[in-house]
């Protein structure tokens, strides 16, 4: 009998997962795009294998040349106004629709469904903000209960930075460019956003403080 050690810990390759993903997309669900839930339902490999080989679901999609699905999340008009207020403060000026999409991760569909046009949304925001400032109530009356602490743990911070390839998701710069990276809430913690990986992103210090779009 041959007593030879065989390493069975890393039998799965990146190619195996990508091949199975494409099989599920093209042969089983027969769609142009695929969600993680759909793949985990019909595919061979689990979430742990995806994380070990690619880090994130979106990175797997990128390696397979599949565009990710943008999930439409309903927001009330007041929730949209609060996001715009945060952006306006960060940028130090009126934000545009592209900045709203990139910095909040919400699509323009939310704006169109609620207001029709971005310009109308901004006009209504100004009215809302004016009335809000006139009749401002103590923050203690509107405290939001959270399930997570404001600051991410070291391991969560590492997962966010690794998912974003240690680069600012807005300008693409990294620490090699001489800037500091921050882990930022997409939906602000003050507006009910939780400290979970899907609500966190990597920003450089300039973009996080709203300086990247200012000209000297």
N, C-alpha and C. Protein backbone atom coordinates (compact mmCIF):
# COMPACT_ATOMS: atom_id res chain seq x y z
N UNK A 1 0.85 -1.20 0.00
CA UNK A 1 0.00 0.00 0.00
C UNK A 1 0.88 1.24 0.00
N UNK A 2 0.49 2.23 -0.77
CA UNK A 2 1.27 3.47 -0.90
C UNK A 2 0.73 4.50 0.08
N UNK A 3 1.55 4.83 1.10
CA UNK A 3 1.14 5.84 2.08
C UNK A 3 1.70 7.20 1.66
N UNK A 4 1.03 7.86 0.74
CA UNK A 4 1.47 9.17 0.25
C UNK A 4 0.42 10.22 0.59
N UNK A 5 0.91 11.35 1.09
CA UNK A 5 -0.01 12.43 1.48
C UNK A 5 -0.55 13.13 0.24
N UNK A 6 -1.86 13.33 0.20
CA UNK A 6 -2.49 14.05 -0.90
C UNK A 6 -3.21 15.26 -0.30
N UNK A 7 -2.87 16.45 -0.79
CA UNK A 7 -3.49 17.68 -0.30
C UNK A 7 -4.86 17.85 -0.94
N UNK A 8 -5.90 17.76 -0.11
CA UNK A 8 -7.27 17.90 -0.61
C UNK A 8 -7.93 19.20 -0.14
N UNK A 9 -7.12 20.13 0.38
CA UNK A 9 -7.68 21.35 0.97
C UNK A 9 -7.97 22.43 -0.07
N UNK A 10 -7.40 22.33 -1.26
CA UNK A 10 -7.58 23.42 -2.23
C UNK A 10 -7.85 22.86 -3.62
N UNK A 11 -8.86 22.00 -3.70
CA UNK A 11 -9.19 21.37 -4.97
C UNK A 11 -9.94 22.32 -5.91
N UNK A 12 -10.61 23.31 -5.35
CA UNK A 12 -11.41 24.23 -6.16
C UNK A 12 -10.52 25.35 -6.70
N UNK A 13 -10.64 25.65 -7.97
CA UNK A 13 -9.90 26.76 -8.57
C UNK A 13 -10.85 27.92 -8.87
N UNK A 14 -10.29 29.09 -9.12
CA UNK A 14 -11.11 30.24 -9.52
C UNK A 14 -11.92 29.89 -10.77
N UNK A 15 -11.28 29.20 -11.69
CA UNK A 15 -11.93 28.83 -12.95
C UNK A 15 -13.15 27.96 -12.71
N UNK A 16 -13.05 27.03 -11.74
CA UNK A 16 -14.18 26.13 -11.43
C UNK A 16 -15.40 26.93 -11.00
N UNK A 17 -15.17 27.94 -10.13
CA UNK A 17 -16.29 28.73 -9.62
C UNK A 17 -16.89 29.59 -10.73
N UNK A 18 -16.03 30.22 -11.53
CA UNK A 18 -16.51 31.05 -12.64
C UNK A 18 -17.29 30.21 -13.65
N UNK A 19 -16.77 29.02 -13.97
CA UNK A 19 -17.44 28.14 -14.92
C UNK A 19 -18.82 27.73 -14.41
N UNK A 20 -18.91 27.41 -13.12
CA UNK A 20 -20.19 27.01 -12.56
C UNK A 20 -21.15 28.20 -12.51
N UNK A 21 -20.63 29.38 -12.20
CA UNK A 21 -21.46 30.58 -12.19
C UNK A 21 -22.07 30.84 -13.56
N UNK A 22 -21.27 30.76 -14.60
CA UNK A 22 -21.76 30.98 -15.96
C UNK A 22 -22.77 29.90 -16.36
N UNK A 23 -22.54 28.68 -15.89
CA UNK A 23 -23.48 27.59 -16.18
C UNK A 23 -24.85 27.89 -15.57
N UNK A 24 -24.86 28.33 -14.31
CA UNK A 24 -26.12 28.65 -13.64
C UNK A 24 -26.81 29.80 -14.36
N UNK A 25 -26.05 30.84 -14.69
CA UNK A 25 -26.62 32.03 -15.34
C UNK A 25 -27.20 31.70 -16.72
N UNK A 26 -26.43 30.96 -17.52
CA UNK A 26 -26.82 30.74 -18.92
C UNK A 26 -27.73 29.54 -19.12
N UNK A 27 -27.55 28.49 -18.31
CA UNK A 27 -28.28 27.24 -18.56
C UNK A 27 -29.44 27.00 -17.60
N UNK A 28 -29.38 27.57 -16.41
CA UNK A 28 -30.43 27.28 -15.42
C UNK A 28 -31.42 28.43 -15.28
N UNK A 29 -30.92 29.62 -14.88
CA UNK A 29 -31.86 30.73 -14.73
C UNK A 29 -32.06 31.48 -16.05
N UNK A 30 -31.09 31.34 -16.97
CA UNK A 30 -31.17 31.91 -18.32
C UNK A 30 -31.46 33.41 -18.31
N UNK A 31 -30.58 34.14 -17.63
CA UNK A 31 -30.67 35.59 -17.55
C UNK A 31 -29.33 36.21 -17.88
N UNK A 32 -29.34 37.52 -18.20
CA UNK A 32 -28.09 38.23 -18.47
C UNK A 32 -27.32 38.52 -17.19
N UNK A 33 -28.06 38.66 -16.08
CA UNK A 33 -27.44 38.96 -14.79
C UNK A 33 -27.89 37.93 -13.76
N UNK A 34 -27.16 37.87 -12.65
CA UNK A 34 -27.46 36.87 -11.63
C UNK A 34 -27.17 37.44 -10.26
N UNK A 35 -28.02 37.13 -9.30
CA UNK A 35 -27.79 37.56 -7.93
C UNK A 35 -27.07 36.46 -7.15
N UNK A 36 -26.48 36.83 -6.01
CA UNK A 36 -25.81 35.83 -5.19
C UNK A 36 -26.82 34.79 -4.69
N UNK A 37 -28.01 35.24 -4.35
CA UNK A 37 -29.03 34.30 -3.85
C UNK A 37 -29.37 33.26 -4.92
N UNK A 38 -29.47 33.70 -6.17
CA UNK A 38 -29.78 32.76 -7.26
C UNK A 38 -28.65 31.75 -7.43
N UNK A 39 -27.40 32.24 -7.34
CA UNK A 39 -26.29 31.30 -7.51
C UNK A 39 -26.22 30.31 -6.35
N UNK A 40 -26.38 30.80 -5.12
CA UNK A 40 -26.30 29.90 -3.96
C UNK A 40 -27.42 28.87 -3.98
N UNK A 41 -28.53 29.20 -4.64
CA UNK A 41 -29.65 28.25 -4.74
C UNK A 41 -29.34 27.13 -5.73
N UNK A 42 -28.70 27.46 -6.86
CA UNK A 42 -28.50 26.48 -7.93
C UNK A 42 -27.05 26.07 -8.14
N UNK A 43 -26.10 26.81 -7.62
CA UNK A 43 -24.70 26.54 -7.90
C UNK A 43 -24.08 25.48 -7.00
N UNK A 44 -22.88 25.04 -7.37
CA UNK A 44 -22.19 24.00 -6.62
C UNK A 44 -21.50 24.53 -5.37
N UNK A 45 -21.01 25.77 -5.43
CA UNK A 45 -20.14 26.29 -4.38
C UNK A 45 -20.84 27.30 -3.49
N UNK A 46 -20.38 27.37 -2.25
CA UNK A 46 -21.03 28.21 -1.26
C UNK A 46 -20.38 29.57 -1.10
N UNK A 47 -20.91 30.34 -0.17
CA UNK A 47 -20.45 31.70 0.08
C UNK A 47 -19.01 31.72 0.59
N UNK A 48 -18.63 30.69 1.36
CA UNK A 48 -17.27 30.63 1.89
C UNK A 48 -16.25 30.47 0.77
N UNK A 49 -16.57 29.63 -0.22
CA UNK A 49 -15.67 29.43 -1.35
C UNK A 49 -15.51 30.73 -2.16
N UNK A 50 -16.63 31.43 -2.34
CA UNK A 50 -16.58 32.70 -3.09
C UNK A 50 -15.70 33.70 -2.37
N UNK A 51 -15.85 33.79 -1.04
CA UNK A 51 -15.06 34.74 -0.27
C UNK A 51 -13.58 34.36 -0.28
N UNK A 52 -13.29 33.08 -0.16
CA UNK A 52 -11.89 32.64 -0.14
C UNK A 52 -11.17 32.90 -1.46
N UNK A 53 -11.90 32.75 -2.57
CA UNK A 53 -11.27 32.88 -3.89
C UNK A 53 -11.34 34.30 -4.47
N UNK A 54 -12.40 35.03 -4.15
CA UNK A 54 -12.58 36.35 -4.79
C UNK A 54 -12.77 37.50 -3.81
N UNK A 55 -13.06 37.18 -2.56
CA UNK A 55 -13.25 38.23 -1.58
C UNK A 55 -14.68 38.70 -1.49
N UNK A 56 -15.26 39.13 -2.61
CA UNK A 56 -16.63 39.62 -2.63
C UNK A 56 -17.38 39.07 -3.84
N UNK A 57 -18.70 39.12 -3.76
CA UNK A 57 -19.55 38.67 -4.87
C UNK A 57 -19.31 39.52 -6.11
N UNK A 58 -19.23 40.84 -5.94
CA UNK A 58 -19.02 41.72 -7.09
C UNK A 58 -17.69 41.47 -7.78
N UNK A 59 -16.67 41.07 -7.00
CA UNK A 59 -15.38 40.77 -7.61
C UNK A 59 -15.47 39.49 -8.45
N UNK A 60 -16.25 38.52 -7.98
CA UNK A 60 -16.49 37.31 -8.76
C UNK A 60 -17.20 37.66 -10.06
N UNK A 61 -18.23 38.51 -9.97
CA UNK A 61 -18.94 38.93 -11.19
C UNK A 61 -18.00 39.63 -12.16
N UNK A 62 -17.12 40.47 -11.63
CA UNK A 62 -16.17 41.19 -12.47
C UNK A 62 -15.25 40.23 -13.21
N UNK A 63 -14.75 39.20 -12.50
CA UNK A 63 -13.87 38.20 -13.13
C UNK A 63 -14.61 37.38 -14.17
N UNK A 64 -15.92 37.25 -14.02
CA UNK A 64 -16.72 36.49 -14.98
C UNK A 64 -17.32 37.39 -16.07
N UNK A 65 -16.95 38.68 -16.05
CA UNK A 65 -17.47 39.66 -17.02
C UNK A 65 -18.99 39.76 -16.99
N UNK A 66 -19.53 39.76 -15.78
CA UNK A 66 -20.98 39.92 -15.58
C UNK A 66 -21.21 41.21 -14.82
N UNK A 67 -22.12 42.04 -15.30
CA UNK A 67 -22.41 43.30 -14.63
C UNK A 67 -23.27 43.03 -13.39
N UNK A 68 -22.95 43.68 -12.26
CA UNK A 68 -23.76 43.48 -11.05
C UNK A 68 -25.13 44.10 -11.20
N UNK A 69 -26.09 43.57 -10.46
CA UNK A 69 -27.45 44.10 -10.48
C UNK A 69 -27.55 45.20 -9.44
N UNK A 70 -28.01 46.37 -9.88
CA UNK A 70 -28.26 47.46 -8.95
C UNK A 70 -29.65 47.28 -8.34
N UNK A 71 -29.66 47.11 -7.03
CA UNK A 71 -30.93 46.87 -6.35
C UNK A 71 -31.61 48.20 -6.06
N UNK A 72 -32.85 48.32 -6.49
CA UNK A 72 -33.61 49.55 -6.26
C UNK A 72 -34.18 49.52 -4.85
N UNK A 73 -33.77 50.47 -4.06
CA UNK A 73 -34.24 50.55 -2.69
C UNK A 73 -35.16 51.75 -2.56
N UNK A 74 -36.39 51.53 -2.08
CA UNK A 74 -37.33 52.64 -1.95
C UNK A 74 -36.90 53.56 -0.81
N UNK A 75 -36.94 54.86 -1.08
CA UNK A 75 -36.68 55.87 -0.06
C UNK A 75 -37.83 56.87 -0.08
N UNK A 76 -38.18 57.36 1.09
CA UNK A 76 -39.18 58.42 1.15
C UNK A 76 -38.53 59.74 0.71
N UNK A 77 -39.36 60.74 0.43
CA UNK A 77 -38.81 62.04 0.03
C UNK A 77 -37.93 62.62 1.13
N UNK A 78 -38.34 62.48 2.37
CA UNK A 78 -37.54 63.03 3.47
C UNK A 78 -36.20 62.33 3.58
N UNK A 79 -36.17 61.01 3.36
CA UNK A 79 -34.91 60.27 3.40
C UNK A 79 -33.98 60.75 2.29
N UNK A 80 -34.54 61.02 1.11
CA UNK A 80 -33.74 61.55 0.00
C UNK A 80 -33.21 62.94 0.35
N UNK A 81 -34.06 63.77 0.93
CA UNK A 81 -33.64 65.12 1.32
C UNK A 81 -32.49 65.07 2.33
N UNK A 82 -32.55 64.13 3.25
CA UNK A 82 -31.49 64.02 4.26
C UNK A 82 -30.17 63.59 3.63
N UNK A 83 -30.25 62.70 2.64
CA UNK A 83 -29.03 62.30 1.92
C UNK A 83 -28.44 63.49 1.17
N UNK A 84 -29.31 64.27 0.51
CA UNK A 84 -28.85 65.46 -0.22
C UNK A 84 -28.23 66.46 0.75
N UNK A 85 -28.83 66.61 1.92
CA UNK A 85 -28.28 67.53 2.93
C UNK A 85 -26.87 67.11 3.32
N UNK A 86 -26.66 65.81 3.53
CA UNK A 86 -25.33 65.29 3.88
C UNK A 86 -24.33 65.57 2.76
N UNK A 87 -24.76 65.31 1.51
CA UNK A 87 -23.88 65.54 0.36
C UNK A 87 -23.52 67.01 0.22
N UNK A 88 -24.52 67.86 0.37
CA UNK A 88 -24.31 69.30 0.21
C UNK A 88 -23.28 69.80 1.22
N UNK A 89 -23.38 69.30 2.45
CA UNK A 89 -22.44 69.68 3.50
C UNK A 89 -21.05 69.15 3.18
N UNK A 90 -20.97 67.89 2.74
CA UNK A 90 -19.68 67.28 2.40
C UNK A 90 -18.97 68.03 1.28
N UNK A 91 -19.71 68.34 0.24
CA UNK A 91 -19.11 68.98 -0.94
C UNK A 91 -18.93 70.48 -0.77
N UNK A 92 -19.70 71.08 0.10
CA UNK A 92 -19.63 72.52 0.28
C UNK A 92 -20.33 73.28 -0.83
N UNK A 93 -21.18 72.61 -1.56
CA UNK A 93 -21.90 73.22 -2.69
C UNK A 93 -23.05 72.29 -3.08
N UNK A 94 -23.83 72.74 -4.07
CA UNK A 94 -24.96 71.94 -4.58
C UNK A 94 -24.45 70.69 -5.29
N UNK A 95 -24.89 69.51 -4.90
CA UNK A 95 -24.44 68.28 -5.59
C UNK A 95 -25.19 68.08 -6.91
N UNK A 96 -24.58 67.31 -7.80
CA UNK A 96 -25.28 66.95 -9.03
C UNK A 96 -25.75 65.50 -8.95
N UNK A 97 -26.51 65.07 -9.93
CA UNK A 97 -27.12 63.73 -9.90
C UNK A 97 -26.06 62.64 -9.93
N UNK A 98 -25.02 62.84 -10.69
CA UNK A 98 -23.95 61.82 -10.76
C UNK A 98 -23.30 61.63 -9.39
N UNK A 99 -23.08 62.72 -8.68
CA UNK A 99 -22.50 62.63 -7.34
C UNK A 99 -23.46 61.94 -6.38
N UNK A 100 -24.75 62.22 -6.54
CA UNK A 100 -25.75 61.55 -5.69
C UNK A 100 -25.67 60.04 -5.89
N UNK A 101 -25.56 59.60 -7.15
CA UNK A 101 -25.51 58.16 -7.44
C UNK A 101 -24.23 57.53 -6.91
N UNK A 102 -23.09 58.18 -7.15
CA UNK A 102 -21.81 57.58 -6.79
C UNK A 102 -21.55 57.61 -5.29
N UNK A 103 -22.00 58.65 -4.60
CA UNK A 103 -21.67 58.80 -3.18
C UNK A 103 -22.71 58.19 -2.25
N UNK A 104 -23.93 57.94 -2.75
CA UNK A 104 -24.95 57.29 -1.92
C UNK A 104 -25.23 55.86 -2.35
N UNK A 105 -24.75 55.49 -3.56
CA UNK A 105 -24.99 54.16 -4.13
C UNK A 105 -26.45 53.91 -4.48
N UNK A 106 -27.25 54.97 -4.57
CA UNK A 106 -28.63 54.86 -5.05
C UNK A 106 -28.68 55.33 -6.49
N UNK A 107 -29.57 54.76 -7.29
CA UNK A 107 -29.65 55.12 -8.70
C UNK A 107 -30.61 56.29 -8.91
N UNK A 108 -30.53 56.88 -10.09
CA UNK A 108 -31.40 58.02 -10.41
C UNK A 108 -32.86 57.60 -10.49
N UNK A 109 -33.12 56.29 -10.53
CA UNK A 109 -34.50 55.81 -10.57
C UNK A 109 -35.27 56.29 -9.35
N UNK A 110 -34.59 56.40 -8.21
CA UNK A 110 -35.23 56.88 -6.99
C UNK A 110 -35.67 58.32 -7.15
N UNK A 111 -34.82 59.13 -7.79
CA UNK A 111 -35.13 60.54 -8.01
C UNK A 111 -36.29 60.67 -8.99
N UNK A 112 -36.21 59.94 -10.09
CA UNK A 112 -37.25 60.02 -11.13
C UNK A 112 -38.60 59.58 -10.58
N UNK A 113 -38.61 58.50 -9.80
CA UNK A 113 -39.88 57.98 -9.28
C UNK A 113 -40.53 58.91 -8.27
N UNK A 114 -39.72 59.70 -7.57
CA UNK A 114 -40.25 60.61 -6.55
C UNK A 114 -40.49 62.03 -7.04
N UNK A 115 -39.65 62.49 -7.98
CA UNK A 115 -39.71 63.90 -8.37
C UNK A 115 -39.80 64.13 -9.89
N UNK A 116 -39.44 63.15 -10.68
CA UNK A 116 -39.42 63.32 -12.12
C UNK A 116 -38.09 63.81 -12.64
N UNK A 117 -37.55 64.88 -12.03
CA UNK A 117 -36.27 65.46 -12.46
C UNK A 117 -35.42 65.81 -11.24
N UNK A 118 -34.11 65.80 -11.45
CA UNK A 118 -33.16 66.17 -10.40
C UNK A 118 -33.35 67.64 -10.00
N UNK A 119 -33.59 68.52 -10.98
CA UNK A 119 -33.76 69.94 -10.69
C UNK A 119 -34.97 70.18 -9.79
N UNK A 120 -36.05 69.45 -10.05
CA UNK A 120 -37.24 69.58 -9.21
C UNK A 120 -36.96 69.06 -7.81
N UNK A 121 -36.21 67.97 -7.73
CA UNK A 121 -35.83 67.40 -6.44
C UNK A 121 -35.07 68.44 -5.61
N UNK A 122 -34.10 69.13 -6.24
CA UNK A 122 -33.30 70.13 -5.53
C UNK A 122 -34.17 71.31 -5.07
N UNK A 123 -35.09 71.72 -5.92
CA UNK A 123 -35.98 72.83 -5.54
C UNK A 123 -36.83 72.46 -4.32
N UNK A 124 -37.36 71.24 -4.33
CA UNK A 124 -38.17 70.79 -3.19
C UNK A 124 -37.31 70.60 -1.95
N UNK A 125 -36.05 70.17 -2.15
CA UNK A 125 -35.13 70.03 -1.02
C UNK A 125 -34.91 71.36 -0.33
N UNK A 126 -34.68 72.42 -1.13
CA UNK A 126 -34.43 73.75 -0.56
C UNK A 126 -35.64 74.21 0.27
N UNK A 127 -36.85 73.95 -0.23
CA UNK A 127 -38.06 74.30 0.52
C UNK A 127 -38.12 73.50 1.82
N UNK A 128 -37.83 72.21 1.73
CA UNK A 128 -37.85 71.34 2.91
C UNK A 128 -36.82 71.80 3.94
N UNK A 129 -35.62 72.12 3.46
CA UNK A 129 -34.54 72.55 4.35
C UNK A 129 -34.88 73.87 5.03
N UNK A 130 -35.48 74.80 4.28
CA UNK A 130 -35.87 76.09 4.83
C UNK A 130 -36.90 75.92 5.94
N UNK A 131 -37.91 75.09 5.68
CA UNK A 131 -38.95 74.84 6.69
C UNK A 131 -38.40 74.08 7.89
N UNK A 132 -37.47 73.18 7.62
CA UNK A 132 -36.86 72.40 8.70
C UNK A 132 -36.08 73.29 9.64
N UNK A 133 -35.33 74.23 9.07
CA UNK A 133 -34.52 75.13 9.90
C UNK A 133 -35.39 76.07 10.73
N UNK A 134 -36.57 76.41 10.18
CA UNK A 134 -37.49 77.29 10.91
C UNK A 134 -38.12 76.59 12.09
N UNK A 135 -38.39 75.30 11.91
CA UNK A 135 -39.12 74.54 12.94
C UNK A 135 -38.29 73.36 13.39
N UNK A 136 -37.03 73.62 13.75
CA UNK A 136 -36.13 72.54 14.13
C UNK A 136 -36.41 72.09 15.55
N UNK A 137 -36.53 70.78 15.74
CA UNK A 137 -36.80 70.21 17.05
C UNK A 137 -35.54 69.58 17.61
N UNK A 138 -35.47 69.43 18.94
CA UNK A 138 -34.29 68.82 19.54
C UNK A 138 -34.04 67.43 18.97
N UNK A 139 -32.77 67.10 18.79
CA UNK A 139 -32.42 65.80 18.22
C UNK A 139 -32.86 64.65 19.11
N UNK A 140 -33.05 64.92 20.41
CA UNK A 140 -33.43 63.84 21.33
C UNK A 140 -34.81 63.30 21.00
N UNK A 141 -35.62 64.07 20.24
CA UNK A 141 -36.96 63.61 19.88
C UNK A 141 -36.94 62.64 18.71
N UNK A 142 -35.82 62.61 17.98
CA UNK A 142 -35.76 61.79 16.77
C UNK A 142 -34.57 60.84 16.78
N UNK A 143 -34.17 60.41 17.96
CA UNK A 143 -33.03 59.51 18.04
C UNK A 143 -33.36 58.18 17.36
N UNK A 144 -32.38 57.66 16.62
CA UNK A 144 -32.57 56.41 15.89
C UNK A 144 -31.88 55.28 16.65
N UNK A 145 -32.60 54.19 16.83
CA UNK A 145 -32.00 53.04 17.50
C UNK A 145 -31.22 52.22 16.49
N UNK A 146 -30.02 51.81 16.89
CA UNK A 146 -29.15 51.05 15.99
C UNK A 146 -28.90 49.64 16.53
N UNK A 147 -28.65 48.74 15.59
CA UNK A 147 -28.29 47.37 15.96
C UNK A 147 -26.78 47.17 15.97
N UNK A 148 -26.04 48.17 15.48
CA UNK A 148 -24.59 48.07 15.40
C UNK A 148 -23.95 49.35 15.93
N UNK A 149 -22.71 49.29 16.42
CA UNK A 149 -22.02 50.51 16.87
C UNK A 149 -21.63 51.38 15.68
N UNK A 150 -21.36 52.66 15.92
CA UNK A 150 -21.00 53.58 14.84
C UNK A 150 -19.68 53.17 14.19
N UNK A 151 -18.67 52.87 14.98
CA UNK A 151 -17.34 52.56 14.45
C UNK A 151 -17.24 51.08 14.08
N UNK A 152 -16.76 50.77 12.85
CA UNK A 152 -16.59 49.36 12.47
C UNK A 152 -15.44 48.71 13.24
N UNK A 153 -15.55 47.42 13.46
CA UNK A 153 -14.47 46.70 14.12
C UNK A 153 -13.26 46.62 13.19
N UNK A 154 -12.13 46.22 13.73
CA UNK A 154 -10.92 46.11 12.92
C UNK A 154 -11.10 45.10 11.79
N UNK A 155 -11.76 43.98 12.09
CA UNK A 155 -11.95 42.96 11.06
C UNK A 155 -12.91 43.43 9.98
N UNK A 156 -13.97 44.16 10.37
CA UNK A 156 -14.91 44.69 9.38
C UNK A 156 -14.24 45.75 8.53
N UNK A 157 -13.46 46.60 9.15
CA UNK A 157 -12.72 47.62 8.41
C UNK A 157 -11.79 46.97 7.37
N UNK A 158 -11.13 45.89 7.79
CA UNK A 158 -10.23 45.18 6.86
C UNK A 158 -11.03 44.60 5.69
N UNK A 159 -12.20 44.01 5.97
CA UNK A 159 -13.02 43.41 4.91
C UNK A 159 -13.47 44.47 3.90
N UNK A 160 -13.84 45.66 4.38
CA UNK A 160 -14.28 46.74 3.48
C UNK A 160 -13.12 47.21 2.61
N UNK A 161 -11.96 47.43 3.22
CA UNK A 161 -10.79 47.90 2.47
C UNK A 161 -10.37 46.85 1.43
N UNK A 162 -10.40 45.58 1.83
CA UNK A 162 -10.01 44.51 0.90
C UNK A 162 -11.00 44.41 -0.26
N UNK A 163 -12.30 44.52 0.05
CA UNK A 163 -13.31 44.46 -1.01
C UNK A 163 -13.11 45.57 -2.03
N UNK A 164 -12.74 46.75 -1.56
CA UNK A 164 -12.57 47.91 -2.44
C UNK A 164 -11.14 48.05 -2.96
N UNK A 165 -10.35 46.96 -2.80
CA UNK A 165 -8.97 46.93 -3.31
C UNK A 165 -8.11 48.05 -2.74
N UNK A 166 -8.39 48.46 -1.51
CA UNK A 166 -7.61 49.49 -0.82
C UNK A 166 -7.53 50.77 -1.64
N UNK A 167 -8.65 51.12 -2.30
CA UNK A 167 -8.72 52.33 -3.11
C UNK A 167 -10.00 53.10 -2.79
N UNK A 168 -9.93 54.42 -2.92
CA UNK A 168 -11.12 55.26 -2.76
C UNK A 168 -12.11 54.92 -3.88
N UNK A 169 -13.36 54.64 -3.53
CA UNK A 169 -14.35 54.23 -4.54
C UNK A 169 -14.80 55.40 -5.41
N UNK A 170 -14.46 56.64 -5.01
CA UNK A 170 -14.85 57.81 -5.80
C UNK A 170 -13.74 58.23 -6.75
N UNK A 171 -12.53 58.46 -6.22
CA UNK A 171 -11.44 58.97 -7.07
C UNK A 171 -10.43 57.91 -7.46
N UNK A 172 -10.46 56.73 -6.82
CA UNK A 172 -9.58 55.64 -7.20
C UNK A 172 -8.18 55.71 -6.60
N UNK A 173 -7.90 56.70 -5.76
CA UNK A 173 -6.56 56.80 -5.18
C UNK A 173 -6.38 55.84 -4.02
N UNK A 174 -5.12 55.50 -3.72
CA UNK A 174 -4.80 54.59 -2.63
C UNK A 174 -3.73 55.23 -1.74
N UNK A 175 -3.31 54.49 -0.73
CA UNK A 175 -2.30 55.02 0.18
C UNK A 175 -0.97 55.27 -0.52
N UNK A 176 -0.73 54.58 -1.63
CA UNK A 176 0.50 54.81 -2.40
C UNK A 176 0.54 56.21 -3.01
N UNK A 177 -0.63 56.86 -3.06
CA UNK A 177 -0.70 58.24 -3.58
C UNK A 177 -0.52 59.26 -2.46
N UNK A 178 -0.20 58.77 -1.28
CA UNK A 178 0.07 59.68 -0.17
C UNK A 178 -1.16 60.18 0.55
N UNK A 179 -2.27 59.44 0.46
CA UNK A 179 -3.49 59.87 1.14
C UNK A 179 -3.91 58.80 2.16
N UNK A 180 -4.76 59.19 3.06
CA UNK A 180 -5.26 58.29 4.09
C UNK A 180 -6.64 57.77 3.69
N UNK A 181 -6.90 56.50 3.93
CA UNK A 181 -8.18 55.90 3.58
C UNK A 181 -9.09 55.83 4.81
N UNK A 182 -10.37 56.13 4.58
CA UNK A 182 -11.38 56.06 5.63
C UNK A 182 -12.43 55.01 5.24
N UNK A 183 -13.05 54.40 6.23
CA UNK A 183 -14.21 53.54 5.99
C UNK A 183 -15.44 54.37 6.34
N UNK A 184 -16.28 54.62 5.33
CA UNK A 184 -17.38 55.58 5.44
C UNK A 184 -18.73 54.89 5.30
N UNK A 185 -19.74 55.39 6.02
CA UNK A 185 -21.12 54.89 5.88
C UNK A 185 -21.73 55.45 4.59
N UNK A 186 -22.35 54.59 3.78
CA UNK A 186 -23.04 55.03 2.56
C UNK A 186 -24.32 55.77 2.96
N UNK A 187 -25.21 55.10 3.67
CA UNK A 187 -26.33 55.79 4.31
C UNK A 187 -25.84 56.20 5.69
N UNK A 188 -25.80 57.50 5.97
CA UNK A 188 -25.20 57.99 7.22
C UNK A 188 -25.74 57.29 8.46
N UNK A 189 -24.88 57.07 9.42
CA UNK A 189 -25.27 56.45 10.68
C UNK A 189 -26.35 57.27 11.37
N UNK A 190 -26.27 58.59 11.23
CA UNK A 190 -27.25 59.48 11.86
C UNK A 190 -28.63 59.36 11.24
N UNK A 191 -28.69 58.78 10.01
CA UNK A 191 -29.98 58.60 9.32
C UNK A 191 -30.46 57.16 9.40
N UNK A 192 -29.84 56.37 10.26
CA UNK A 192 -30.29 55.00 10.44
C UNK A 192 -29.43 53.96 9.75
N UNK A 193 -28.41 54.40 9.02
CA UNK A 193 -27.52 53.45 8.35
C UNK A 193 -26.74 52.62 9.35
N UNK A 194 -26.70 51.31 9.16
CA UNK A 194 -26.01 50.42 10.08
C UNK A 194 -24.54 50.23 9.68
N UNK A 195 -23.74 49.82 10.64
CA UNK A 195 -22.32 49.56 10.39
C UNK A 195 -22.16 48.11 9.95
N UNK A 196 -22.56 47.85 8.70
CA UNK A 196 -22.44 46.54 8.08
C UNK A 196 -21.73 46.70 6.75
N UNK A 197 -21.15 45.64 6.23
CA UNK A 197 -20.28 45.75 5.06
C UNK A 197 -21.01 46.31 3.84
N UNK A 198 -22.30 46.01 3.68
CA UNK A 198 -23.05 46.52 2.53
C UNK A 198 -23.32 48.01 2.62
N UNK A 199 -23.18 48.59 3.82
CA UNK A 199 -23.41 50.03 3.99
C UNK A 199 -22.11 50.79 4.23
N UNK A 200 -20.99 50.15 3.96
CA UNK A 200 -19.69 50.79 4.16
C UNK A 200 -18.91 50.83 2.86
N UNK A 201 -18.07 51.83 2.70
CA UNK A 201 -17.25 51.97 1.50
C UNK A 201 -15.93 52.64 1.88
N UNK A 202 -14.95 52.52 0.99
CA UNK A 202 -13.64 53.12 1.21
C UNK A 202 -13.59 54.48 0.53
N UNK A 203 -13.24 55.51 1.30
CA UNK A 203 -13.04 56.85 0.76
C UNK A 203 -11.68 57.37 1.20
N UNK A 204 -11.06 58.17 0.34
CA UNK A 204 -9.83 58.84 0.76
C UNK A 204 -10.21 60.01 1.65
N UNK A 205 -9.24 60.57 2.35
CA UNK A 205 -9.54 61.66 3.27
C UNK A 205 -10.12 62.87 2.55
N UNK A 206 -9.66 63.14 1.32
CA UNK A 206 -10.17 64.29 0.57
C UNK A 206 -11.64 64.12 0.21
N UNK A 207 -11.98 62.96 -0.38
CA UNK A 207 -13.37 62.71 -0.78
C UNK A 207 -14.29 62.65 0.44
N UNK A 208 -13.79 62.09 1.53
CA UNK A 208 -14.61 61.97 2.73
C UNK A 208 -14.93 63.33 3.32
N UNK A 209 -14.04 64.29 3.15
CA UNK A 209 -14.27 65.62 3.68
C UNK A 209 -14.85 66.58 2.65
N UNK A 210 -15.13 66.06 1.44
CA UNK A 210 -15.76 66.87 0.42
C UNK A 210 -14.83 67.84 -0.27
N UNK A 211 -13.51 67.52 -0.29
CA UNK A 211 -12.56 68.45 -0.89
C UNK A 211 -12.16 68.07 -2.31
N UNK A 212 -12.47 66.84 -2.71
CA UNK A 212 -11.95 66.35 -3.99
C UNK A 212 -12.52 67.08 -5.18
N UNK A 213 -13.73 67.66 -5.03
CA UNK A 213 -14.36 68.32 -6.17
C UNK A 213 -14.16 69.84 -6.16
N UNK A 214 -13.35 70.35 -5.25
CA UNK A 214 -13.10 71.77 -5.19
C UNK A 214 -11.85 72.12 -5.99
N UNK A 215 -11.91 73.20 -6.71
CA UNK A 215 -10.77 73.66 -7.49
C UNK A 215 -10.05 74.79 -6.76
N UNK A 216 -8.73 74.82 -6.90
CA UNK A 216 -7.95 75.89 -6.26
C UNK A 216 -8.23 77.21 -6.96
